All heavy atoms as atom14 arrays in JSON, in Angstrom:
{
  "sequence": "KHYSENNPNLMYIDAFDEFLNTEGGPRPELFVDDRLHMNPKGYE",
  "atom14_mask": [
    [1, 1, 1, 1, 1, 1, 1, 1, 1, 0, 0, 0, 0, 0],
    [1, 1, 1, 1, 1, 1, 1, 1, 1, 1, 0, 0, 0, 0],
    [1, 1, 1, 1, 1, 1, 1, 1, 1, 1, 1, 1, 0, 0],
    [1, 1, 1, 1, 1, 1, 0, 0, 0, 0, 0, 0, 0, 0],
    [1, 1, 1, 1, 1, 1, 1, 1, 1, 0, 0, 0, 0, 0],
    [1, 1, 1, 1, 1, 1, 1, 1, 0, 0, 0, 0, 0, 0],
    [1, 1, 1, 1, 1, 1, 1, 1, 0, 0, 0, 0, 0, 0],
    [1, 1, 1, 1, 1, 1, 1, 0, 0, 0, 0, 0, 0, 0],
    [1, 1, 1, 1, 1, 1, 1, 1, 0, 0, 0, 0, 0, 0],
    [1, 1, 1, 1, 1, 1, 1, 1, 0, 0, 0, 0, 0, 0],
    [1, 1, 1, 1, 1, 1, 1, 1, 0, 0, 0, 0, 0, 0],
    [1, 1, 1, 1, 1, 1, 1, 1, 1, 1, 1, 1, 0, 0],
    [1, 1, 1, 1, 1, 1, 1, 1, 0, 0, 0, 0, 0, 0],
    [1, 1, 1, 1, 1, 1, 1, 1, 0, 0, 0, 0, 0, 0],
    [1, 1, 1, 1, 1, 0, 0, 0, 0, 0, 0, 0, 0, 0],
    [1, 1, 1, 1, 1, 1, 1, 1, 1, 1, 1, 0, 0, 0],
    [1, 1, 1, 1, 1, 1, 1, 1, 0, 0, 0, 0, 0, 0],
    [1, 1, 1, 1, 1, 1, 1, 1, 1, 0, 0, 0, 0, 0],
    [1, 1, 1, 1, 1, 1, 1, 1, 1, 1, 1, 0, 0, 0],
    [1, 1, 1, 1, 1, 1, 1, 1, 0, 0, 0, 0, 0, 0],
    [1, 1, 1, 1, 1, 1, 1, 1, 0, 0, 0, 0, 0, 0],
    [1, 1, 1, 1, 1, 1, 1, 0, 0, 0, 0, 0, 0, 0],
    [1, 1, 1, 1, 1, 1, 1, 1, 1, 0, 0, 0, 0, 0],
    [1, 1, 1, 1, 0, 0, 0, 0, 0, 0, 0, 0, 0, 0],
    [1, 1, 1, 1, 0, 0, 0, 0, 0, 0, 0, 0, 0, 0],
    [1, 1, 1, 1, 1, 1, 1, 0, 0, 0, 0, 0, 0, 0],
    [1, 1, 1, 1, 1, 1, 1, 1, 1, 1, 1, 0, 0, 0],
    [1, 1, 1, 1, 1, 1, 1, 0, 0, 0, 0, 0, 0, 0],
    [1, 1, 1, 1, 1, 1, 1, 1, 1, 0, 0, 0, 0, 0],
    [1, 1, 1, 1, 1, 1, 1, 1, 0, 0, 0, 0, 0, 0],
    [1, 1, 1, 1, 1, 1, 1, 1, 1, 1, 1, 0, 0, 0],
    [1, 1, 1, 1, 1, 1, 1, 0, 0, 0, 0, 0, 0, 0],
    [1, 1, 1, 1, 1, 1, 1, 1, 0, 0, 0, 0, 0, 0],
    [1, 1, 1, 1, 1, 1, 1, 1, 0, 0, 0, 0, 0, 0],
    [1, 1, 1, 1, 1, 1, 1, 1, 1, 1, 1, 0, 0, 0],
    [1, 1, 1, 1, 1, 1, 1, 1, 0, 0, 0, 0, 0, 0],
    [1, 1, 1, 1, 1, 1, 1, 1, 1, 1, 0, 0, 0, 0],
    [1, 1, 1, 1, 1, 1, 1, 1, 0, 0, 0, 0, 0, 0],
    [1, 1, 1, 1, 1, 1, 1, 1, 0, 0, 0, 0, 0, 0],
    [1, 1, 1, 1, 1, 1, 1, 0, 0, 0, 0, 0, 0, 0],
    [1, 1, 1, 1, 1, 1, 1, 1, 1, 0, 0, 0, 0, 0],
    [1, 1, 1, 1, 0, 0, 0, 0, 0, 0, 0, 0, 0, 0],
    [1, 1, 1, 1, 1, 1, 1, 1, 1, 1, 1, 1, 0, 0],
    [1, 1, 1, 1, 1, 1, 1, 1, 1, 0, 0, 0, 0, 0]
  ],
  "atom14_positions": [
    [[105.18, 23.88, 103.45], [104.11, 24.88, 103.35], [103.76, 25.14, 101.9], [102.57, 25.1, 101.46], [104.52, 26.16, 104.09], [103.49, 27.29, 103.98], [104.01, 28.55, 104.66], [102.99, 29.67, 104.49], [103.47, 30.93, 105.13], [0.0, 0.0, 0.0], [0.0, 0.0, 0.0], [0.0, 0.0, 0.0], [0.0, 0.0, 0.0], [0.0, 0.0, 0.0]],
    [[104.73, 25.44, 101.05], [104.52, 25.82, 99.67], [103.95, 24.55, 98.96], [103.07, 24.75, 98.09], [105.82, 26.23, 99.04], [106.26, 27.6, 99.48], [105.36, 28.66, 99.43], [107.47, 28.09, 99.84], [106.01, 29.76, 99.87], [107.28, 29.46, 100.08], [0.0, 0.0, 0.0], [0.0, 0.0, 0.0], [0.0, 0.0, 0.0], [0.0, 0.0, 0.0]],
    [[104.43, 23.34, 99.22], [103.92, 22.13, 98.59], [102.44, 21.98, 98.96], [101.7, 21.64, 98.07], [104.76, 20.99, 99.17], [104.3, 19.66, 98.84], [104.13, 19.13, 97.48], [103.99, 18.7, 99.87], [103.69, 17.85, 97.2], [103.57, 17.4, 99.56], [103.37, 17.0, 98.29], [103.02, 15.71, 97.98], [0.0, 0.0, 0.0], [0.0, 0.0, 0.0]],
    [[102.13, 22.23, 100.2], [100.7, 22.03, 100.6], [99.77, 23.06, 99.98], [98.62, 22.78, 99.67], [100.58, 22.15, 102.16], [101.46, 21.18, 102.79], [0.0, 0.0, 0.0], [0.0, 0.0, 0.0], [0.0, 0.0, 0.0], [0.0, 0.0, 0.0], [0.0, 0.0, 0.0], [0.0, 0.0, 0.0], [0.0, 0.0, 0.0], [0.0, 0.0, 0.0]],
    [[100.32, 24.28, 99.76], [99.44, 25.35, 99.16], [99.01, 24.98, 97.76], [98.02, 25.48, 97.28], [100.24, 26.62, 99.15], [100.37, 27.25, 100.54], [101.32, 28.44, 100.56], [101.98, 28.67, 99.51], [101.32, 29.19, 101.5], [0.0, 0.0, 0.0], [0.0, 0.0, 0.0], [0.0, 0.0, 0.0], [0.0, 0.0, 0.0], [0.0, 0.0, 0.0]],
    [[99.72, 24.07, 97.07], [99.37, 23.79, 95.66], [98.6, 22.43, 95.54], [98.46, 21.92, 94.44], [100.7, 23.66, 94.89], [101.4, 24.98, 94.77], [100.79, 26.0, 94.55], [102.74, 24.95, 94.99], [0.0, 0.0, 0.0], [0.0, 0.0, 0.0], [0.0, 0.0, 0.0], [0.0, 0.0, 0.0], [0.0, 0.0, 0.0], [0.0, 0.0, 0.0]],
    [[98.12, 21.89, 96.67], [97.29, 20.68, 96.62], [96.07, 20.83, 97.48], [96.19, 21.09, 98.72], [98.17, 19.49, 97.12], [97.52, 18.17, 96.88], [96.36, 17.99, 97.15], [98.25, 17.22, 96.47], [0.0, 0.0, 0.0], [0.0, 0.0, 0.0], [0.0, 0.0, 0.0], [0.0, 0.0, 0.0], [0.0, 0.0, 0.0], [0.0, 0.0, 0.0]],
    [[94.86, 20.73, 96.91], [93.7, 20.97, 97.67], [93.43, 19.96, 98.85], [92.65, 20.2, 99.78], [92.56, 20.86, 96.66], [93.12, 20.05, 95.56], [94.6, 20.39, 95.54], [0.0, 0.0, 0.0], [0.0, 0.0, 0.0], [0.0, 0.0, 0.0], [0.0, 0.0, 0.0], [0.0, 0.0, 0.0], [0.0, 0.0, 0.0], [0.0, 0.0, 0.0]],
    [[94.17, 18.8, 98.8], [93.97, 17.82, 99.87], [95.09, 17.91, 100.96], [95.15, 17.01, 101.83], [93.94, 16.4, 99.3], [92.63, 16.08, 98.68], [91.58, 16.6, 99.06], [92.6, 15.19, 97.65], [0.0, 0.0, 0.0], [0.0, 0.0, 0.0], [0.0, 0.0, 0.0], [0.0, 0.0, 0.0], [0.0, 0.0, 0.0], [0.0, 0.0, 0.0]],
    [[95.94, 18.95, 100.88], [97.03, 19.06, 101.8], [96.84, 20.43, 102.58], [96.36, 21.37, 101.99], [98.41, 19.06, 101.13], [98.75, 17.79, 100.41], [100.13, 17.95, 99.79], [98.67, 16.58, 101.25], [0.0, 0.0, 0.0], [0.0, 0.0, 0.0], [0.0, 0.0, 0.0], [0.0, 0.0, 0.0], [0.0, 0.0, 0.0], [0.0, 0.0, 0.0]],
    [[97.27, 20.4, 103.82], [97.25, 21.64, 104.62], [98.5, 21.73, 105.39], [99.08, 20.69, 105.78], [96.04, 21.6, 105.61], [94.7, 21.77, 104.93], [93.31, 21.38, 106.01], [93.33, 19.63, 105.86], [0.0, 0.0, 0.0], [0.0, 0.0, 0.0], [0.0, 0.0, 0.0], [0.0, 0.0, 0.0], [0.0, 0.0, 0.0], [0.0, 0.0, 0.0]],
    [[98.91, 22.95, 105.68], [100.08, 23.18, 106.53], [99.6, 24.01, 107.77], [99.01, 25.08, 107.59], [101.16, 23.98, 105.76], [102.3, 24.43, 106.66], [103.32, 23.56, 106.98], [102.41, 25.8, 107.04], [104.42, 23.99, 107.72], [103.48, 26.17, 107.88], [104.46, 25.25, 108.2], [105.5, 25.64, 108.94], [0.0, 0.0, 0.0], [0.0, 0.0, 0.0]],
    [[99.71, 23.46, 108.93], [99.29, 24.1, 110.15], [100.49, 24.81, 110.8], [101.4, 24.11, 111.27], [98.64, 23.07, 111.12], [97.5, 22.36, 110.45], [98.18, 23.82, 112.4], [96.83, 21.28, 111.3], [0.0, 0.0, 0.0], [0.0, 0.0, 0.0], [0.0, 0.0, 0.0], [0.0, 0.0, 0.0], [0.0, 0.0, 0.0], [0.0, 0.0, 0.0]],
    [[100.52, 26.07, 110.76], [101.65, 26.87, 111.19], [101.55, 27.24, 112.65], [100.84, 28.21, 112.98], [101.82, 28.12, 110.3], [103.17, 28.8, 110.51], [103.92, 28.4, 111.4], [103.39, 29.75, 109.74], [0.0, 0.0, 0.0], [0.0, 0.0, 0.0], [0.0, 0.0, 0.0], [0.0, 0.0, 0.0], [0.0, 0.0, 0.0], [0.0, 0.0, 0.0]],
    [[102.28, 26.58, 113.5], [102.32, 26.85, 114.96], [103.7, 27.36, 115.32], [103.92, 27.57, 116.54], [101.94, 25.6, 115.72], [0.0, 0.0, 0.0], [0.0, 0.0, 0.0], [0.0, 0.0, 0.0], [0.0, 0.0, 0.0], [0.0, 0.0, 0.0], [0.0, 0.0, 0.0], [0.0, 0.0, 0.0], [0.0, 0.0, 0.0], [0.0, 0.0, 0.0]],
    [[104.57, 27.58, 114.37], [106.0, 27.85, 114.67], [106.18, 29.07, 115.53], [106.82, 29.01, 116.56], [106.71, 28.01, 113.33], [108.24, 28.05, 113.45], [109.0, 26.89, 113.47], [108.87, 29.27, 113.61], [110.36, 26.91, 113.62], [110.31, 29.29, 113.73], [110.99, 28.12, 113.71], [0.0, 0.0, 0.0], [0.0, 0.0, 0.0], [0.0, 0.0, 0.0]],
    [[105.58, 30.19, 115.13], [105.76, 31.42, 115.89], [105.22, 31.41, 117.24], [105.66, 32.18, 118.12], [105.18, 32.58, 115.09], [105.97, 32.98, 113.83], [107.11, 32.39, 113.67], [105.53, 33.7, 112.97], [0.0, 0.0, 0.0], [0.0, 0.0, 0.0], [0.0, 0.0, 0.0], [0.0, 0.0, 0.0], [0.0, 0.0, 0.0], [0.0, 0.0, 0.0]],
    [[104.25, 30.5, 117.47], [103.68, 30.4, 118.85], [104.7, 29.92, 119.86], [104.57, 30.12, 121.07], [102.46, 29.42, 118.79], [101.38, 29.8, 117.88], [100.4, 30.77, 118.59], [100.57, 31.07, 119.77], [99.5, 31.25, 117.89], [0.0, 0.0, 0.0], [0.0, 0.0, 0.0], [0.0, 0.0, 0.0], [0.0, 0.0, 0.0], [0.0, 0.0, 0.0]],
    [[105.77, 29.27, 119.37], [106.76, 28.7, 120.27], [108.0, 29.63, 120.29], [109.04, 29.18, 120.86], [107.11, 27.3, 119.76], [106.07, 26.32, 120.02], [105.07, 26.09, 119.07], [106.03, 25.57, 121.24], [104.05, 25.18, 119.34], [105.01, 24.66, 121.46], [104.02, 24.49, 120.52], [0.0, 0.0, 0.0], [0.0, 0.0, 0.0], [0.0, 0.0, 0.0]],
    [[107.89, 30.86, 119.89], [108.91, 31.81, 120.02], [108.47, 32.98, 120.88], [107.31, 33.37, 120.93], [109.26, 32.43, 118.56], [109.68, 31.4, 117.51], [109.87, 32.22, 116.19], [110.89, 30.67, 117.88], [0.0, 0.0, 0.0], [0.0, 0.0, 0.0], [0.0, 0.0, 0.0], [0.0, 0.0, 0.0], [0.0, 0.0, 0.0], [0.0, 0.0, 0.0]],
    [[109.44, 33.54, 121.65], [109.17, 34.73, 122.42], [109.22, 35.98, 121.64], [109.43, 35.97, 120.38], [110.08, 34.77, 123.67], [111.54, 34.94, 123.29], [111.87, 35.49, 122.24], [112.4, 34.36, 124.09], [0.0, 0.0, 0.0], [0.0, 0.0, 0.0], [0.0, 0.0, 0.0], [0.0, 0.0, 0.0], [0.0, 0.0, 0.0], [0.0, 0.0, 0.0]],
    [[108.95, 37.11, 122.24], [108.87, 38.39, 121.54], [110.19, 38.79, 120.85], [110.22, 39.56, 119.93], [108.35, 39.48, 122.42], [109.28, 39.58, 123.58], [106.93, 39.26, 122.91], [0.0, 0.0, 0.0], [0.0, 0.0, 0.0], [0.0, 0.0, 0.0], [0.0, 0.0, 0.0], [0.0, 0.0, 0.0], [0.0, 0.0, 0.0], [0.0, 0.0, 0.0]],
    [[111.33, 38.22, 121.33], [112.62, 38.47, 120.75], [113.0, 37.46, 119.69], [114.09, 37.5, 119.14], [113.67, 38.5, 121.78], [113.68, 39.73, 122.77], [112.55, 39.67, 123.79], [112.3, 38.52, 124.3], [111.89, 40.67, 124.02], [0.0, 0.0, 0.0], [0.0, 0.0, 0.0], [0.0, 0.0, 0.0], [0.0, 0.0, 0.0], [0.0, 0.0, 0.0]],
    [[112.06, 36.53, 119.43], [112.41, 35.5, 118.4], [113.14, 34.32, 119.01], [113.68, 33.52, 118.24], [0.0, 0.0, 0.0], [0.0, 0.0, 0.0], [0.0, 0.0, 0.0], [0.0, 0.0, 0.0], [0.0, 0.0, 0.0], [0.0, 0.0, 0.0], [0.0, 0.0, 0.0], [0.0, 0.0, 0.0], [0.0, 0.0, 0.0], [0.0, 0.0, 0.0]],
    [[113.23, 34.21, 120.35], [113.97, 33.13, 120.95], [113.07, 32.0, 121.42], [111.82, 32.04, 121.21], [0.0, 0.0, 0.0], [0.0, 0.0, 0.0], [0.0, 0.0, 0.0], [0.0, 0.0, 0.0], [0.0, 0.0, 0.0], [0.0, 0.0, 0.0], [0.0, 0.0, 0.0], [0.0, 0.0, 0.0], [0.0, 0.0, 0.0], [0.0, 0.0, 0.0]],
    [[113.54, 30.98, 122.01], [112.75, 29.78, 122.43], [111.91, 30.11, 123.62], [112.14, 31.07, 124.35], [113.81, 28.71, 122.74], [114.99, 29.51, 123.14], [114.98, 30.78, 122.26], [0.0, 0.0, 0.0], [0.0, 0.0, 0.0], [0.0, 0.0, 0.0], [0.0, 0.0, 0.0], [0.0, 0.0, 0.0], [0.0, 0.0, 0.0], [0.0, 0.0, 0.0]],
    [[110.93, 29.29, 123.88], [110.07, 29.47, 125.05], [110.14, 28.17, 125.89], [109.29, 27.3, 125.78], [108.61, 29.76, 124.61], [108.42, 31.05, 123.83], [106.91, 31.24, 123.56], [106.11, 31.33, 124.79], [104.8, 31.36, 124.79], [104.16, 31.25, 123.65], [104.1, 31.46, 125.94], [0.0, 0.0, 0.0], [0.0, 0.0, 0.0], [0.0, 0.0, 0.0]],
    [[111.08, 28.08, 126.73], [111.27, 26.85, 127.54], [110.12, 26.53, 128.45], [109.93, 25.37, 128.88], [112.61, 27.08, 128.3], [112.78, 28.57, 128.25], [112.2, 29.0, 126.97], [0.0, 0.0, 0.0], [0.0, 0.0, 0.0], [0.0, 0.0, 0.0], [0.0, 0.0, 0.0], [0.0, 0.0, 0.0], [0.0, 0.0, 0.0], [0.0, 0.0, 0.0]],
    [[109.32, 27.56, 128.77], [108.21, 27.34, 129.71], [107.09, 26.41, 129.03], [106.18, 26.02, 129.7], [107.56, 28.64, 130.12], [106.79, 29.42, 129.02], [107.54, 30.31, 128.14], [108.86, 30.14, 128.13], [107.0, 31.11, 127.43], [0.0, 0.0, 0.0], [0.0, 0.0, 0.0], [0.0, 0.0, 0.0], [0.0, 0.0, 0.0], [0.0, 0.0, 0.0]],
    [[107.23, 26.12, 127.69], [106.26, 25.35, 127.05], [106.71, 23.87, 126.96], [105.97, 23.04, 126.38], [106.01, 25.89, 125.61], [105.51, 27.26, 125.48], [105.39, 27.67, 124.01], [104.15, 27.47, 126.2], [0.0, 0.0, 0.0], [0.0, 0.0, 0.0], [0.0, 0.0, 0.0], [0.0, 0.0, 0.0], [0.0, 0.0, 0.0], [0.0, 0.0, 0.0]],
    [[107.84, 23.56, 127.58], [108.4, 22.22, 127.43], [108.71, 21.61, 128.81], [108.86, 22.32, 129.78], [109.69, 22.28, 126.62], [109.47, 22.75, 125.16], [109.4, 24.06, 124.86], [109.32, 21.75, 124.15], [109.15, 24.45, 123.57], [109.09, 22.19, 122.9], [109.05, 23.48, 122.57], [0.0, 0.0, 0.0], [0.0, 0.0, 0.0], [0.0, 0.0, 0.0]],
    [[108.82, 20.28, 128.86], [109.18, 19.62, 130.08], [110.69, 19.75, 130.26], [111.35, 20.43, 129.45], [108.75, 18.14, 130.0], [107.27, 17.99, 129.94], [109.45, 17.36, 128.86], [0.0, 0.0, 0.0], [0.0, 0.0, 0.0], [0.0, 0.0, 0.0], [0.0, 0.0, 0.0], [0.0, 0.0, 0.0], [0.0, 0.0, 0.0], [0.0, 0.0, 0.0]],
    [[111.23, 19.04, 131.27], [112.63, 19.3, 131.67], [113.64, 18.94, 130.54], [114.77, 19.47, 130.49], [112.98, 18.49, 132.93], [112.25, 19.05, 134.15], [111.83, 20.21, 134.12], [112.21, 18.36, 135.14], [0.0, 0.0, 0.0], [0.0, 0.0, 0.0], [0.0, 0.0, 0.0], [0.0, 0.0, 0.0], [0.0, 0.0, 0.0], [0.0, 0.0, 0.0]],
    [[113.27, 18.02, 129.59], [114.24, 17.67, 128.57], [114.27, 18.76, 127.45], [115.1, 18.67, 126.57], [113.89, 16.32, 127.93], [112.56, 16.31, 127.21], [111.9, 17.35, 127.03], [112.18, 15.27, 126.7], [0.0, 0.0, 0.0], [0.0, 0.0, 0.0], [0.0, 0.0, 0.0], [0.0, 0.0, 0.0], [0.0, 0.0, 0.0], [0.0, 0.0, 0.0]],
    [[113.43, 19.75, 127.61], [113.41, 20.89, 126.65], [113.2, 20.46, 125.23], [113.51, 21.21, 124.27], [114.78, 21.67, 126.72], [114.98, 22.39, 128.07], [116.41, 22.79, 128.35], [117.07, 23.51, 127.3], [117.01, 24.83, 127.12], [116.34, 25.52, 128.03], [117.67, 25.44, 126.16], [0.0, 0.0, 0.0], [0.0, 0.0, 0.0], [0.0, 0.0, 0.0]],
    [[112.6, 19.3, 125.05], [112.3, 18.82, 123.69], [110.79, 18.46, 123.55], [110.17, 18.84, 122.61], [113.07, 17.52, 123.43], [112.77, 16.72, 122.14], [113.05, 17.59, 120.96], [113.56, 15.45, 122.06], [0.0, 0.0, 0.0], [0.0, 0.0, 0.0], [0.0, 0.0, 0.0], [0.0, 0.0, 0.0], [0.0, 0.0, 0.0], [0.0, 0.0, 0.0]],
    [[110.2, 17.88, 124.58], [108.79, 17.48, 124.51], [107.95, 18.51, 125.29], [108.3, 19.09, 126.27], [108.61, 16.12, 125.17], [109.39, 15.03, 124.5], [110.66, 14.62, 124.91], [109.07, 14.33, 123.35], [111.02, 13.64, 124.05], [110.14, 13.46, 123.1], [0.0, 0.0, 0.0], [0.0, 0.0, 0.0], [0.0, 0.0, 0.0], [0.0, 0.0, 0.0]],
    [[106.76, 18.71, 124.64], [105.93, 19.78, 125.24], [105.24, 19.43, 126.57], [104.93, 18.24, 126.77], [104.84, 20.14, 124.18], [105.37, 20.82, 122.9], [104.04, 21.31, 121.8], [103.35, 19.72, 121.36], [0.0, 0.0, 0.0], [0.0, 0.0, 0.0], [0.0, 0.0, 0.0], [0.0, 0.0, 0.0], [0.0, 0.0, 0.0], [0.0, 0.0, 0.0]],
    [[104.97, 20.41, 127.42], [104.09, 20.25, 128.54], [102.72, 20.64, 128.2], [102.43, 21.02, 127.07], [104.75, 21.03, 129.73], [104.78, 22.52, 129.44], [103.93, 23.09, 128.71], [105.68, 23.26, 130.1], [0.0, 0.0, 0.0], [0.0, 0.0, 0.0], [0.0, 0.0, 0.0], [0.0, 0.0, 0.0], [0.0, 0.0, 0.0], [0.0, 0.0, 0.0]],
    [[101.75, 20.6, 129.11], [100.38, 20.9, 128.83], [100.24, 22.35, 128.17], [99.31, 22.54, 127.37], [99.7, 20.86, 130.2], [100.44, 19.79, 130.88], [101.88, 19.96, 130.49], [0.0, 0.0, 0.0], [0.0, 0.0, 0.0], [0.0, 0.0, 0.0], [0.0, 0.0, 0.0], [0.0, 0.0, 0.0], [0.0, 0.0, 0.0], [0.0, 0.0, 0.0]],
    [[101.07, 23.31, 128.56], [100.94, 24.59, 127.95], [101.26, 24.54, 126.46], [100.63, 25.24, 125.66], [101.97, 25.58, 128.68], [101.61, 25.91, 130.1], [102.63, 26.87, 130.66], [102.31, 27.21, 132.08], [103.3, 28.15, 132.73], [0.0, 0.0, 0.0], [0.0, 0.0, 0.0], [0.0, 0.0, 0.0], [0.0, 0.0, 0.0], [0.0, 0.0, 0.0]],
    [[102.21, 23.69, 126.07], [102.53, 23.55, 124.68], [101.42, 22.95, 123.97], [101.0, 23.34, 122.8], [0.0, 0.0, 0.0], [0.0, 0.0, 0.0], [0.0, 0.0, 0.0], [0.0, 0.0, 0.0], [0.0, 0.0, 0.0], [0.0, 0.0, 0.0], [0.0, 0.0, 0.0], [0.0, 0.0, 0.0], [0.0, 0.0, 0.0], [0.0, 0.0, 0.0]],
    [[100.77, 21.91, 124.55], [99.62, 21.21, 123.91], [98.4, 22.11, 123.82], [97.59, 22.0, 122.88], [99.32, 19.94, 124.61], [100.28, 18.78, 124.26], [101.26, 18.39, 125.2], [100.31, 18.23, 122.98], [102.18, 17.44, 124.83], [101.22, 17.28, 122.66], [102.13, 16.88, 123.63], [103.09, 15.87, 123.3], [0.0, 0.0, 0.0], [0.0, 0.0, 0.0]],
    [[98.32, 23.05, 124.73], [97.15, 24.04, 124.63], [97.32, 24.87, 123.36], [96.35, 25.17, 122.75], [97.18, 24.92, 125.83], [96.47, 24.38, 127.04], [94.94, 24.12, 126.8], [94.36, 25.03, 126.18], [94.49, 23.1, 127.24], [0.0, 0.0, 0.0], [0.0, 0.0, 0.0], [0.0, 0.0, 0.0], [0.0, 0.0, 0.0], [0.0, 0.0, 0.0]]
  ]
}
């Protein structure tokens, strides 16, 4: 993120918090059964 902020041709797309619940924990409902790859809700 910091590296990208200092270069006009770079961007950092911050989606991190979108994958956390209100307590700061994981959101398994956004992933398929392997809990690693996203399901359609994650891609939304």
